[in-house]
């Protein structure tokens, strides 16, 4: 388990494309190291996820 999504934050418009970007944290992603993932671009590129 890498805890992907344990922390999520609005990063503002980091890549200056006119859309807000998102940073997602993942503790223990690789060899017990923390990682962050950057998602930039239009809202159309982000999938909706529903939890039950």
C-alpha atoms as a PDB file:
ATOM      1  CA  UNK A   1       0.000   0.000   0.000  1.00  0.00           C
ATOM      2  CA  UNK A   2       1.440   3.381  -0.941  1.00  0.00           C
ATOM      3  CA  UNK A   3      -1.259   5.704   0.465  1.00  0.00           C
ATOM      4  CA  UNK A   4      -1.720   7.474  -2.892  1.00  0.00           C
ATOM      5  CA  UNK A   5      -4.097  10.376  -2.316  1.00  0.00           C
ATOM      6  CA  UNK A   6      -3.445  10.614   1.415  1.00  0.00           C
ATOM      7  CA  UNK A   7      -2.867  14.307   0.807  1.00  0.00           C
ATOM      8  CA  UNK A   8      -4.267  16.381  -2.059  1.00  0.00           C
ATOM      9  CA  UNK A   9      -3.738  20.086  -2.620  1.00  0.00           C
ATOM     10  CA  UNK A  10      -4.574  22.766  -5.155  1.00  0.00           C
ATOM     11  CA  UNK A  11      -1.239  23.956  -6.504  1.00  0.00           C
ATOM     12  CA  UNK A  12      -2.497  26.999  -8.374  1.00  0.00           C
ATOM     13  CA  UNK A  13      -1.498  27.443 -12.003  1.00  0.00           C
ATOM     14  CA  UNK A  14       2.042  26.054 -11.778  1.00  0.00           C
ATOM     15  CA  UNK A  15       2.554  25.440 -15.503  1.00  0.00           C
ATOM     16  CA  UNK A  16       0.881  28.740 -16.548  1.00  0.00           C
ATOM     17  CA  UNK A  17      -1.688  27.130 -18.877  1.00  0.00           C
ATOM     18  CA  UNK A  18      -4.646  28.998 -17.388  1.00  0.00           C
ATOM     19  CA  UNK A  19      -5.928  26.064 -15.315  1.00  0.00           C
ATOM     20  CA  UNK A  20      -5.345  25.244 -11.656  1.00  0.00           C
ATOM     21  CA  UNK A  21      -3.111  22.238 -11.068  1.00  0.00           C
ATOM     22  CA  UNK A  22      -3.239  19.526  -8.400  1.00  0.00           C
ATOM     23  CA  UNK A  23      -0.532  17.878  -6.292  1.00  0.00           C
ATOM     24  CA  UNK A  24      -1.234  14.437  -4.806  1.00  0.00           C
ATOM     25  CA  UNK A  25       0.931  12.832  -2.143  1.00  0.00           C
ATOM     26  CA  UNK A  26       1.790   9.161  -1.750  1.00  0.00           C
ATOM     27  CA  UNK A  27       3.615   8.041   1.367  1.00  0.00           C
ATOM     28  CA  UNK A  28       5.705   4.904   0.881  1.00  0.00           C
ATOM     29  CA  UNK A  29       5.261   4.965  -2.913  1.00  0.00           C
ATOM     30  CA  UNK A  30       8.705   3.548  -3.709  1.00  0.00           C
ATOM     31  CA  UNK A  31      11.015   1.808  -1.280  1.00  0.00           C
ATOM     32  CA  UNK A  32       9.488   3.572   1.745  1.00  0.00           C
ATOM     33  CA  UNK A  33      10.061   7.030   0.257  1.00  0.00           C
ATOM     34  CA  UNK A  34       7.424   9.718   0.011  1.00  0.00           C
ATOM     35  CA  UNK A  35       6.415  10.861  -3.475  1.00  0.00           C
ATOM     36  CA  UNK A  36       4.314  13.642  -4.926  1.00  0.00           C
ATOM     37  CA  UNK A  37       2.463  13.570  -8.234  1.00  0.00           C
ATOM     38  CA  UNK A  38       1.677  16.696 -10.223  1.00  0.00           C
ATOM     39  CA  UNK A  39      -1.401  16.862 -12.454  1.00  0.00           C
ATOM     40  CA  UNK A  40      -1.678  19.887 -14.692  1.00  0.00           C
ATOM     41  CA  UNK A  41      -4.144  20.866 -17.345  1.00  0.00           C
ATOM     42  CA  UNK A  42      -7.802  21.123 -18.058  1.00  0.00           C
ATOM     43  CA  UNK A  43     -10.469  19.658 -15.810  1.00  0.00           C
ATOM     44  CA  UNK A  44     -11.360  17.379 -18.742  1.00  0.00           C
ATOM     45  CA  UNK A  45      -8.152  15.413 -18.093  1.00  0.00           C
ATOM     46  CA  UNK A  46      -9.158  14.455 -14.535  1.00  0.00           C
ATOM     47  CA  UNK A  47     -11.462  11.484 -14.036  1.00  0.00           C
ATOM     48  CA  UNK A  48     -14.385  11.533 -11.605  1.00  0.00           C
ATOM     49  CA  UNK A  49     -14.062   8.921  -8.867  1.00  0.00           C
ATOM     50  CA  UNK A  50     -16.865   7.845  -6.550  1.00  0.00           C
ATOM     51  CA  UNK A  51     -16.228   6.039  -3.281  1.00  0.00           C
ATOM     52  CA  UNK A  52     -18.819   3.813  -1.673  1.00  0.00           C
END
